[in-house]
Amino acid sequence: MNLKRIFGTILTVLGIIGLIYAAVGFIQSSEGYKSLIVFAVLGILFFITGIGLVRTTTDQSK
């Protein structure tokens, strides 16, 4: 079981959820841009970090 790969997958999923939440909030309301920017930035950060962890982690057989 590779903990880094699992953590990367969780971060990627959280990033996708954050980006979807920001996009839906942007479409539905014209107020509260601060929170939308925060969700978008955190979503992008989590997504990129998660993808990076999944890509750079190698599987090691024992």
C-alpha atoms as a PDB file:
ATOM      1  CA  MET A   1       0.000   0.000   0.000  1.00  0.00           C
ATOM      2  CA  ASN A   2       1.521   3.263  -1.081  1.00  0.00           C
ATOM      3  CA  LEU A   3       0.475   6.078   1.250  1.00  0.00           C
ATOM      4  CA  LYS A   4       1.781   8.882  -0.960  1.00  0.00           C
ATOM      5  CA  ARG A   5      -0.238   7.674  -3.936  1.00  0.00           C
ATOM      6  CA  ILE A   6      -3.418   7.430  -1.828  1.00  0.00           C
ATOM      7  CA  PHE A   7      -2.824  10.911  -0.401  1.00  0.00           C
ATOM      8  CA  GLY A   8      -2.240  12.243  -3.922  1.00  0.00           C
ATOM      9  CA  THR A   9      -5.524  10.732  -5.083  1.00  0.00           C
ATOM     10  CA  ILE A  10      -7.368  12.308  -2.150  1.00  0.00           C
ATOM     11  CA  LEU A  11      -5.817  15.701  -2.890  1.00  0.00           C
ATOM     12  CA  THR A  12      -6.740  15.395  -6.558  1.00  0.00           C
ATOM     13  CA  VAL A  13     -10.363  14.588  -5.736  1.00  0.00           C
ATOM     14  CA  LEU A  14     -10.546  17.474  -3.252  1.00  0.00           C
ATOM     15  CA  GLY A  15      -9.100  19.786  -5.890  1.00  0.00           C
ATOM     16  CA  ILE A  16     -11.699  18.719  -8.440  1.00  0.00           C
ATOM     17  CA  ILE A  17     -14.486  19.237  -5.893  1.00  0.00           C
ATOM     18  CA  GLY A  18     -13.137  22.699  -5.036  1.00  0.00           C
ATOM     19  CA  LEU A  19     -12.937  23.704  -8.689  1.00  0.00           C
ATOM     20  CA  ILE A  20     -16.460  22.456  -9.396  1.00  0.00           C
ATOM     21  CA  TYR A  21     -17.794  24.296  -6.332  1.00  0.00           C
ATOM     22  CA  ALA A  22     -16.097  27.521  -7.451  1.00  0.00           C
ATOM     23  CA  ALA A  23     -17.437  27.159 -10.998  1.00  0.00           C
ATOM     24  CA  VAL A  24     -20.999  26.510  -9.826  1.00  0.00           C
ATOM     25  CA  GLY A  25     -20.804  29.422  -7.400  1.00  0.00           C
ATOM     26  CA  PHE A  26     -19.483  31.691 -10.132  1.00  0.00           C
ATOM     27  CA  ILE A  27     -22.331  30.780 -12.470  1.00  0.00           C
ATOM     28  CA  GLN A  28     -25.095  31.062  -9.865  1.00  0.00           C
ATOM     29  CA  SER A  29     -24.199  34.282  -8.066  1.00  0.00           C
ATOM     30  CA  SER A  30     -22.667  37.623  -8.798  1.00  0.00           C
ATOM     31  CA  GLU A  31     -21.728  38.306  -5.152  1.00  0.00           C
ATOM     32  CA  GLY A  32     -19.081  36.825  -2.891  1.00  0.00           C
ATOM     33  CA  TYR A  33     -16.131  36.790  -5.240  1.00  0.00           C
ATOM     34  CA  LYS A  34     -13.717  36.466  -2.323  1.00  0.00           C
ATOM     35  CA  SER A  35     -14.938  33.011  -1.383  1.00  0.00           C
ATOM     36  CA  LEU A  36     -15.045  31.918  -5.022  1.00  0.00           C
ATOM     37  CA  ILE A  37     -11.443  33.011  -5.504  1.00  0.00           C
ATOM     38  CA  VAL A  38     -10.403  31.154  -2.351  1.00  0.00           C
ATOM     39  CA  PHE A  39     -12.140  27.945  -3.474  1.00  0.00           C
ATOM     40  CA  ALA A  40     -10.687  28.240  -6.968  1.00  0.00           C
ATOM     41  CA  VAL A  41      -7.124  28.826  -5.745  1.00  0.00           C
ATOM     42  CA  LEU A  42      -7.319  26.009  -3.191  1.00  0.00           C
ATOM     43  CA  GLY A  43      -8.860  23.709  -5.794  1.00  0.00           C
ATOM     44  CA  ILE A  44      -6.072  24.418  -8.262  1.00  0.00           C
ATOM     45  CA  LEU A  45      -3.430  24.000  -5.545  1.00  0.00           C
ATOM     46  CA  PHE A  46      -4.846  20.675  -4.326  1.00  0.00           C
ATOM     47  CA  PHE A  47      -5.332  19.397  -7.861  1.00  0.00           C
ATOM     48  CA  ILE A  48      -1.798  20.201  -9.010  1.00  0.00           C
ATOM     49  CA  THR A  49      -0.260  18.839  -5.799  1.00  0.00           C
ATOM     50  CA  GLY A  50      -2.283  15.628  -5.991  1.00  0.00           C
ATOM     51  CA  ILE A  51      -1.429  15.019  -9.638  1.00  0.00           C
ATOM     52  CA  GLY A  52       2.234  15.677  -8.860  1.00  0.00           C
ATOM     53  CA  LEU A  53       2.238  13.145  -6.025  1.00  0.00           C
ATOM     54  CA  VAL A  54       0.544  10.484  -8.129  1.00  0.00           C
ATOM     55  CA  ARG A  55       2.903  11.012 -11.077  1.00  0.00           C
ATOM     56  CA  THR A  56       6.183  11.092  -9.135  1.00  0.00           C
ATOM     57  CA  THR A  57       5.455   8.230  -6.737  1.00  0.00           C
ATOM     58  CA  THR A  58       6.807   4.949  -8.003  1.00  0.00           C
ATOM     59  CA  ASP A  59       5.466   1.514  -7.124  1.00  0.00           C
ATOM     60  CA  GLN A  60       7.984  -0.590  -5.255  1.00  0.00           C
ATOM     61  CA  SER A  61       7.612  -4.336  -4.989  1.00  0.00           C
ATOM     62  CA  LYS A  62       8.803  -6.092  -1.854  1.00  0.00           C
END
